[in-house]
Amino acid sequence: MNLVAVVHGGNLGEMASARRAVRENMGDAAFVDACATIASFSAVVKIADGAGIPLEDFKEEATRDLRAELSINDFQS
């Protein structure tokens, strides 16, 4: 299971193995970078959602296929 899916899925039982997999395959520095990126993205999205900032129409249209391909719309925020 990949680290992003585990973090956003909230399955704490799989967290240790996902962390270990990133460290073993990419190293400790990449693990720290991945965690920082996940945290930053999550924070920015939650701030925008909490403030009620909508996705602009032109961005919604321009990113529709990409968001579907990456399953971005499945995330909690």
PDB file of N, CA and C in Angstrom:
ATOM      1  N   MET A   1       0.858  -1.175   0.000  1.00  0.00           N
ATOM      2  CA  MET A   1       0.000   0.000   0.000  1.00  0.00           C
ATOM      3  C   MET A   1       0.894   1.225   0.000  1.00  0.00           C
ATOM      4  N   ASN A   2       0.537   2.242  -0.757  1.00  0.00           N
ATOM      5  CA  ASN A   2       1.411   3.407  -0.786  1.00  0.00           C
ATOM      6  C   ASN A   2       1.105   4.364   0.359  1.00  0.00           C
ATOM      7  N   LEU A   3       2.099   5.128   0.738  1.00  0.00           N
ATOM      8  CA  LEU A   3       2.025   5.997   1.911  1.00  0.00           C
ATOM      9  C   LEU A   3       0.900   7.014   1.801  1.00  0.00           C
ATOM     10  N   VAL A   4       0.727   7.610   0.647  1.00  0.00           N
ATOM     11  CA  VAL A   4      -0.332   8.610   0.476  1.00  0.00           C
ATOM     12  C   VAL A   4      -1.701   7.985   0.725  1.00  0.00           C
ATOM     13  N   ALA A   5      -1.947   6.827   0.154  1.00  0.00           N
ATOM     14  CA  ALA A   5      -3.239   6.168   0.333  1.00  0.00           C
ATOM     15  C   ALA A   5      -3.483   5.812   1.792  1.00  0.00           C
ATOM     16  N   VAL A   6      -2.455   5.354   2.478  1.00  0.00           N
ATOM     17  CA  VAL A   6      -2.600   4.989   3.891  1.00  0.00           C
ATOM     18  C   VAL A   6      -2.898   6.220   4.737  1.00  0.00           C
ATOM     19  N   VAL A   7      -2.156   7.295   4.511  1.00  0.00           N
ATOM     20  CA  VAL A   7      -2.363   8.518   5.292  1.00  0.00           C
ATOM     21  C   VAL A   7      -3.768   9.057   5.071  1.00  0.00           C
ATOM     22  N   HIS A   8      -4.184   9.163   3.840  1.00  0.00           N
ATOM     23  CA  HIS A   8      -5.495   9.743   3.550  1.00  0.00           C
ATOM     24  C   HIS A   8      -6.633   8.771   3.797  1.00  0.00           C
ATOM     25  N   GLY A   9      -6.337   7.485   3.810  1.00  0.00           N
ATOM     26  CA  GLY A   9      -7.368   6.504   4.105  1.00  0.00           C
ATOM     27  C   GLY A   9      -7.588   6.308   5.591  1.00  0.00           C
ATOM     28  N   GLY A  10      -6.612   6.723   6.389  1.00  0.00           N
ATOM     29  CA  GLY A  10      -6.748   6.644   7.834  1.00  0.00           C
ATOM     30  C   GLY A  10      -6.572   5.256   8.420  1.00  0.00           C
ATOM     31  N   ASN A  11      -5.991   4.317   7.666  1.00  0.00           N
ATOM     32  CA  ASN A  11      -5.801   2.962   8.175  1.00  0.00           C
ATOM     33  C   ASN A  11      -4.488   2.891   8.955  1.00  0.00           C
ATOM     34  N   LEU A  12      -4.572   3.111  10.255  1.00  0.00           N
ATOM     35  CA  LEU A  12      -3.370   3.136  11.087  1.00  0.00           C
ATOM     36  C   LEU A  12      -2.666   1.787  11.141  1.00  0.00           C
ATOM     37  N   GLY A  13      -3.384   0.710  10.912  1.00  0.00           N
ATOM     38  CA  GLY A  13      -2.787  -0.616  10.927  1.00  0.00           C
ATOM     39  C   GLY A  13      -1.778  -0.831   9.810  1.00  0.00           C
ATOM     40  N   GLU A  14      -1.911  -0.081   8.726  1.00  0.00           N
ATOM     41  CA  GLU A  14      -1.002  -0.217   7.588  1.00  0.00           C
ATOM     42  C   GLU A  14       0.074   0.861   7.565  1.00  0.00           C
ATOM     43  N   MET A  15       0.019   1.793   8.514  1.00  0.00           N
ATOM     44  CA  MET A  15       0.934   2.933   8.508  1.00  0.00           C
ATOM     45  C   MET A  15       2.398   2.509   8.641  1.00  0.00           C
ATOM     46  N   ALA A  16       2.701   1.635   9.587  1.00  0.00           N
ATOM     47  CA  ALA A  16       4.095   1.239   9.822  1.00  0.00           C
ATOM     48  C   ALA A  16       4.704   0.578   8.586  1.00  0.00           C
ATOM     49  N   SER A  17       3.948  -0.298   7.939  1.00  0.00           N
ATOM     50  CA  SER A  17       4.503  -0.976   6.759  1.00  0.00           C
ATOM     51  C   SER A  17       4.653  -0.008   5.588  1.00  0.00           C
ATOM     52  N   ALA A  18       3.762   0.953   5.449  1.00  0.00           N
ATOM     53  CA  ALA A  18       3.884   1.948   4.378  1.00  0.00           C
ATOM     54  C   ALA A  18       5.101   2.836   4.611  1.00  0.00           C
ATOM     55  N   ARG A  19       5.312   3.240   5.852  1.00  0.00           N
ATOM     56  CA  ARG A  19       6.495   4.050   6.179  1.00  0.00           C
ATOM     57  C   ARG A  19       7.779   3.273   5.898  1.00  0.00           C
ATOM     58  N   ARG A  20       7.787   2.032   6.342  1.00  0.00           N
ATOM     59  CA  ARG A  20       8.971   1.186   6.158  1.00  0.00           C
ATOM     60  C   ARG A  20       9.272   0.992   4.666  1.00  0.00           C
ATOM     61  N   ALA A  21       8.231   0.798   3.869  1.00  0.00           N
ATOM     62  CA  ALA A  21       8.423   0.585   2.430  1.00  0.00           C
ATOM     63  C   ALA A  21       9.065   1.803   1.767  1.00  0.00           C
ATOM     64  N   VAL A  22       8.622   3.004   2.148  1.00  0.00           N
ATOM     65  CA  VAL A  22       9.221   4.212   1.566  1.00  0.00           C
ATOM     66  C   VAL A  22      10.675   4.319   1.982  1.00  0.00           C
ATOM     67  N   ARG A  23      10.958   4.085   3.254  1.00  0.00           N
ATOM     68  CA  ARG A  23      12.346   4.181   3.741  1.00  0.00           C
ATOM     69  C   ARG A  23      13.248   3.156   3.062  1.00  0.00           C
ATOM     70  N   GLU A  24      12.767   1.930   2.924  1.00  0.00           N
ATOM     71  CA  GLU A  24      13.579   0.875   2.316  1.00  0.00           C
ATOM     72  C   GLU A  24      13.817   1.126   0.830  1.00  0.00           C
ATOM     73  N   ASN A  25      12.804   1.630   0.133  1.00  0.00           N
ATOM     74  CA  ASN A  25      12.910   1.819  -1.315  1.00  0.00           C
ATOM     75  C   ASN A  25      13.517   3.149  -1.733  1.00  0.00           C
ATOM     76  N   MET A  26      13.347   4.175  -0.889  1.00  0.00           N
ATOM     77  CA  MET A  26      13.768   5.517  -1.301  1.00  0.00           C
ATOM     78  C   MET A  26      14.729   6.196  -0.335  1.00  0.00           C
ATOM     79  N   GLY A  27      14.841   5.685   0.880  1.00  0.00           N
ATOM     80  CA  GLY A  27      15.740   6.272   1.864  1.00  0.00           C
ATOM     81  C   GLY A  27      15.031   7.207   2.828  1.00  0.00           C
ATOM     82  N   ASP A  28      15.744   7.527   3.915  1.00  0.00           N
ATOM     83  CA  ASP A  28      15.166   8.360   4.968  1.00  0.00           C
ATOM     84  C   ASP A  28      14.862   9.782   4.504  1.00  0.00           C
ATOM     85  N   ALA A  29      15.747  10.367   3.712  1.00  0.00           N
ATOM     86  CA  ALA A  29      15.528  11.746   3.253  1.00  0.00           C
ATOM     87  C   ALA A  29      14.267  11.843   2.391  1.00  0.00           C
ATOM     88  N   ALA A  30      14.070  10.868   1.515  1.00  0.00           N
ATOM     89  CA  ALA A  30      12.869  10.862   0.674  1.00  0.00           C
ATOM     90  C   ALA A  30      11.623  10.645   1.519  1.00  0.00           C
ATOM     91  N   PHE A  31      11.742   9.834   2.569  1.00  0.00           N
ATOM     92  CA  PHE A  31      10.615   9.620   3.475  1.00  0.00           C
ATOM     93  C   PHE A  31      10.202  10.932   4.131  1.00  0.00           C
ATOM     94  N   VAL A  32      11.173  11.690   4.624  1.00  0.00           N
ATOM     95  CA  VAL A  32      10.877  12.983   5.253  1.00  0.00           C
ATOM     96  C   VAL A  32      10.239  13.927   4.233  1.00  0.00           C
ATOM     97  N   ASP A  33      10.784  13.964   3.024  1.00  0.00           N
ATOM     98  CA  ASP A  33      10.210  14.817   1.975  1.00  0.00           C
ATOM     99  C   ASP A  33       8.776  14.408   1.652  1.00  0.00           C
ATOM    100  N   ALA A  34       8.537  13.110   1.565  1.00  0.00           N
ATOM    101  CA  ALA A  34       7.186  12.626   1.266  1.00  0.00           C
ATOM    102  C   ALA A  34       6.210  13.020   2.365  1.00  0.00           C
ATOM    103  N   CYS A  35       6.618  12.849   3.613  1.00  0.00           N
ATOM    104  CA  CYS A  35       5.743  13.216   4.736  1.00  0.00           C
ATOM    105  C   CYS A  35       5.450  14.710   4.745  1.00  0.00           C
ATOM    106  N   ALA A  36       6.463  15.518   4.480  1.00  0.00           N
ATOM    107  CA  ALA A  36       6.270  16.972   4.446  1.00  0.00           C
ATOM    108  C   ALA A  36       5.333  17.375   3.314  1.00  0.00           C
ATOM    109  N   THR A  37       5.468  16.728   2.174  1.00  0.00           N
ATOM    110  CA  THR A  37       4.605  17.039   1.031  1.00  0.00           C
ATOM    111  C   THR A  37       3.162  16.655   1.323  1.00  0.00           C
ATOM    112  N   ILE A  38       2.958  15.476   1.885  1.00  0.00           N
ATOM    113  CA  ILE A  38       1.610  15.027   2.234  1.00  0.00           C
ATOM    114  C   ILE A  38       0.978  15.986   3.241  1.00  0.00           C
ATOM    115  N   ALA A  39       1.733  16.351   4.270  1.00  0.00           N
ATOM    116  CA  ALA A  39       1.214  17.249   5.307  1.00  0.00           C
ATOM    117  C   ALA A  39       0.886  18.619   4.739  1.00  0.00           C
ATOM    118  N   SER A  40       1.762  19.143   3.909  1.00  0.00           N
ATOM    119  CA  SER A  40       1.544  20.469   3.326  1.00  0.00           C
ATOM    120  C   SER A  40       0.305  20.477   2.438  1.00  0.00           C
ATOM    121  N   PHE A  41       0.189  19.485   1.574  1.00  0.00           N
ATOM    122  CA  PHE A  41      -0.968  19.412   0.686  1.00  0.00           C
ATOM    123  C   PHE A  41      -2.248  19.308   1.495  1.00  0.00           C
ATOM    124  N   SER A  42      -2.238  18.462   2.493  1.00  0.00           N
ATOM    125  CA  SER A  42      -3.421  18.272   3.327  1.00  0.00           C
ATOM    126  C   SER A  42      -3.813  19.564   4.033  1.00  0.00           C
ATOM    127  N   ALA A  43      -2.834  20.275   4.564  1.00  0.00           N
ATOM    128  CA  ALA A  43      -3.115  21.520   5.285  1.00  0.00           C
ATOM    129  C   ALA A  43      -3.694  22.578   4.357  1.00  0.00           C
ATOM    130  N   VAL A  44      -3.095  22.749   3.193  1.00  0.00           N
ATOM    131  CA  VAL A  44      -3.565  23.776   2.259  1.00  0.00           C
ATOM    132  C   VAL A  44      -4.997  23.488   1.816  1.00  0.00           C
ATOM    133  N   VAL A  45      -5.273  22.239   1.504  1.00  0.00           N
ATOM    134  CA  VAL A  45      -6.615  21.865   1.065  1.00  0.00           C
ATOM    135  C   VAL A  45      -7.626  22.082   2.189  1.00  0.00           C
ATOM    136  N   LYS A  46      -7.272  21.699   3.401  1.00  0.00           N
ATOM    137  CA  LYS A  46      -8.204  21.864   4.527  1.00  0.00           C
ATOM    138  C   LYS A  46      -8.457  23.333   4.840  1.00  0.00           C
ATOM    139  N   ILE A  47      -7.438  24.158   4.726  1.00  0.00           N
ATOM    140  CA  ILE A  47      -7.624  25.598   4.942  1.00  0.00           C
ATOM    141  C   ILE A  47      -8.570  26.162   3.880  1.00  0.00           C
ATOM    142  N   ALA A  48      -8.348  25.795   2.635  1.00  0.00           N
ATOM    143  CA  ALA A  48      -9.217  26.279   1.554  1.00  0.00           C
ATOM    144  C   ALA A  48     -10.646  25.790   1.742  1.00  0.00           C
ATOM    145  N   ASP A  49     -10.809  24.518   2.080  1.00  0.00           N
ATOM    146  CA  ASP A  49     -12.149  23.978   2.306  1.00  0.00           C
ATOM    147  C   ASP A  49     -12.823  24.651   3.496  1.00  0.00           C
ATOM    148  N   GLY A  50     -12.077  24.807   4.580  1.00  0.00           N
ATOM    149  CA  GLY A  50     -12.631  25.421   5.784  1.00  0.00           C
ATOM    150  C   GLY A  50     -13.033  26.866   5.574  1.00  0.00           C
ATOM    151  N   ALA A  51     -12.300  27.552   4.724  1.00  0.00           N
ATOM    152  CA  ALA A  51     -12.612  28.951   4.429  1.00  0.00           C
ATOM    153  C   ALA A  51     -13.710  29.067   3.374  1.00  0.00           C
ATOM    154  N   GLY A  52     -14.072  27.942   2.791  1.00  0.00           N
ATOM    155  CA  GLY A  52     -15.121  27.949   1.776  1.00  0.00           C
ATOM    156  C   GLY A  52     -14.649  28.436   0.422  1.00  0.00           C
ATOM    157  N   ILE A  53     -13.358  28.302   0.155  1.00  0.00           N
ATOM    158  CA  ILE A  53     -12.815  28.748  -1.128  1.00  0.00           C
ATOM    159  C   ILE A  53     -13.151  27.697  -2.192  1.00  0.00           C
ATOM    160  N   PRO A  54     -13.990  28.035  -3.145  1.00  0.00           N
ATOM    161  CA  PRO A  54     -14.363  27.056  -4.175  1.00  0.00           C
ATOM    162  C   PRO A  54     -13.293  26.952  -5.263  1.00  0.00           C
ATOM    163  N   LEU A  55     -13.293  25.829  -5.935  1.00  0.00           N
ATOM    164  CA  LEU A  55     -12.439  25.653  -7.106  1.00  0.00           C
ATOM    165  C   LEU A  55     -13.044  26.477  -8.241  1.00  0.00           C
ATOM    166  N   GLU A  56     -12.238  27.333  -8.843  1.00  0.00           N
ATOM    167  CA  GLU A  56     -12.746  28.177  -9.918  1.00  0.00           C
ATOM    168  C   GLU A  56     -13.247  27.322 -11.079  1.00  0.00           C
ATOM    169  N   ASP A  57     -14.274  27.812 -11.774  1.00  0.00           N
ATOM    170  CA  ASP A  57     -14.881  27.061 -12.872  1.00  0.00           C
ATOM    171  C   ASP A  57     -13.862  26.649 -13.928  1.00  0.00           C
ATOM    172  N   PHE A  58     -12.970  27.571 -14.317  1.00  0.00           N
ATOM    173  CA  PHE A  58     -12.012  27.232 -15.368  1.00  0.00           C
ATOM    174  C   PHE A  58     -11.037  26.156 -14.897  1.00  0.00           C
ATOM    175  N   LYS A  59     -10.704  26.130 -13.595  1.00  0.00           N
ATOM    176  CA  LYS A  59      -9.818  25.087 -13.068  1.00  0.00           C
ATOM    177  C   LYS A  59     -10.557  23.759 -12.977  1.00  0.00           C
ATOM    178  N   GLU A  60     -11.828  23.811 -12.622  1.00  0.00           N
ATOM    179  CA  GLU A  60     -12.619  22.586 -12.536  1.00  0.00           C
ATOM    180  C   GLU A  60     -12.682  21.922 -13.900  1.00  0.00           C
ATOM    181  N   GLU A  61     -12.963  22.710 -14.923  1.00  0.00           N
ATOM    182  CA  GLU A  61     -13.050  22.171 -16.284  1.00  0.00           C
ATOM    183  C   GLU A  61     -11.688  21.679 -16.788  1.00  0.00           C
ATOM    184  N   ALA A  62     -10.650  22.463 -16.544  1.00  0.00           N
ATOM    185  CA  ALA A  62      -9.316  22.136 -17.063  1.00  0.00           C
ATOM    186  C   ALA A  62      -8.702  20.914 -16.390  1.00  0.00           C
ATOM    187  N   THR A  63      -9.122  20.618 -15.169  1.00  0.00           N
ATOM    188  CA  THR A  63      -8.509  19.513 -14.420  1.00  0.00           C
ATOM    189  C   THR A  63      -9.428  18.309 -14.247  1.00  0.00           C
ATOM    190  N   ARG A  64     -10.602  18.340 -14.831  1.00  0.00           N
ATOM    191  CA  ARG A  64     -11.593  17.273 -14.631  1.00  0.00           C
ATOM    192  C   ARG A  64     -11.022  15.888 -14.944  1.00  0.00           C
ATOM    193  N   ASP A  65     -10.439  15.708 -16.122  1.00  0.00           N
ATOM    194  CA  ASP A  65      -9.914  14.396 -16.520  1.00  0.00           C
ATOM    195  C   ASP A  65      -8.735  13.973 -15.652  1.00  0.00           C
ATOM    196  N   LEU A  66      -7.848  14.911 -15.358  1.00  0.00           N
ATOM    197  CA  LEU A  66      -6.681  14.601 -14.530  1.00  0.00           C
ATOM    198  C   LEU A  66      -7.110  14.195 -13.120  1.00  0.00           C
ATOM    199  N   ARG A  67      -8.065  14.918 -12.545  1.00  0.00           N
ATOM    200  CA  ARG A  67      -8.537  14.579 -11.201  1.00  0.00           C
ATOM    201  C   ARG A  67      -9.191  13.204 -11.179  1.00  0.00           C
ATOM    202  N   ALA A  68      -9.910  12.864 -12.232  1.00  0.00           N
ATOM    203  CA  ALA A  68     -10.524  11.536 -12.315  1.00  0.00           C
ATOM    204  C   ALA A  68      -9.457  10.455 -12.457  1.00  0.00           C
ATOM    205  N   GLU A  69      -8.466  10.704 -13.306  1.00  0.00           N
ATOM    206  CA  GLU A  69      -7.390   9.733 -13.528  1.00  0.00           C
ATOM    207  C   GLU A  69      -6.599   9.460 -12.251  1.00  0.00           C
ATOM    208  N   LEU A  70      -6.348  10.504 -11.464  1.00  0.00           N
ATOM    209  CA  LEU A  70      -5.566  10.370 -10.232  1.00  0.00           C
ATOM    210  C   LEU A  70      -6.426  10.059  -9.008  1.00  0.00           C
ATOM    211  N   SER A  71      -7.735   9.977  -9.195  1.00  0.00           N
ATOM    212  CA  SER A  71      -8.694   9.730  -8.103  1.00  0.00           C
ATOM    213  C   SER A  71      -8.617  10.798  -7.017  1.00  0.00           C
ATOM    214  N   ILE A  72      -8.277  12.009  -7.407  1.00  0.00           N
ATOM    215  CA  ILE A  72      -8.161  13.096  -6.437  1.00  0.00           C
ATOM    216  C   ILE A  72      -9.495  13.383  -5.767  1.00  0.00           C
ATOM    217  N   ASN A  73     -10.576  13.233  -6.493  1.00  0.00           N
ATOM    218  CA  ASN A  73     -11.887  13.525  -5.916  1.00  0.00           C
ATOM    219  C   ASN A  73     -12.282  12.537  -4.824  1.00  0.00           C
ATOM    220  N   ASP A  74     -11.539  11.438  -4.700  1.00  0.00           N
ATOM    221  CA  ASP A  74     -11.831  10.447  -3.666  1.00  0.00           C
ATOM    222  C   ASP A  74     -11.267  10.823  -2.305  1.00  0.00           C
ATOM    223  N   PHE A  75     -10.376  11.825  -2.258  1.00  0.00           N
ATOM    224  CA  PHE A  75      -9.788  12.224  -0.982  1.00  0.00           C
ATOM    225  C   PHE A  75     -10.831  12.893  -0.108  1.00  0.00           C
ATOM    226  N   GLN A  76     -10.613  12.855   1.189  1.00  0.00           N
ATOM    227  CA  GLN A  76     -11.585  13.330   2.161  1.00  0.00           C
ATOM    228  C   GLN A  76     -11.885  14.809   2.055  1.00  0.00           C
ATOM    229  N   SER A  77     -10.923  15.621   1.750  1.00  0.00           N
ATOM    230  CA  SER A  77     -11.143  17.076   1.746  1.00  0.00           C
ATOM    231  C   SER A  77     -11.935  17.535   0.559  1.00  0.00           C
TER     232      SER A  77
END
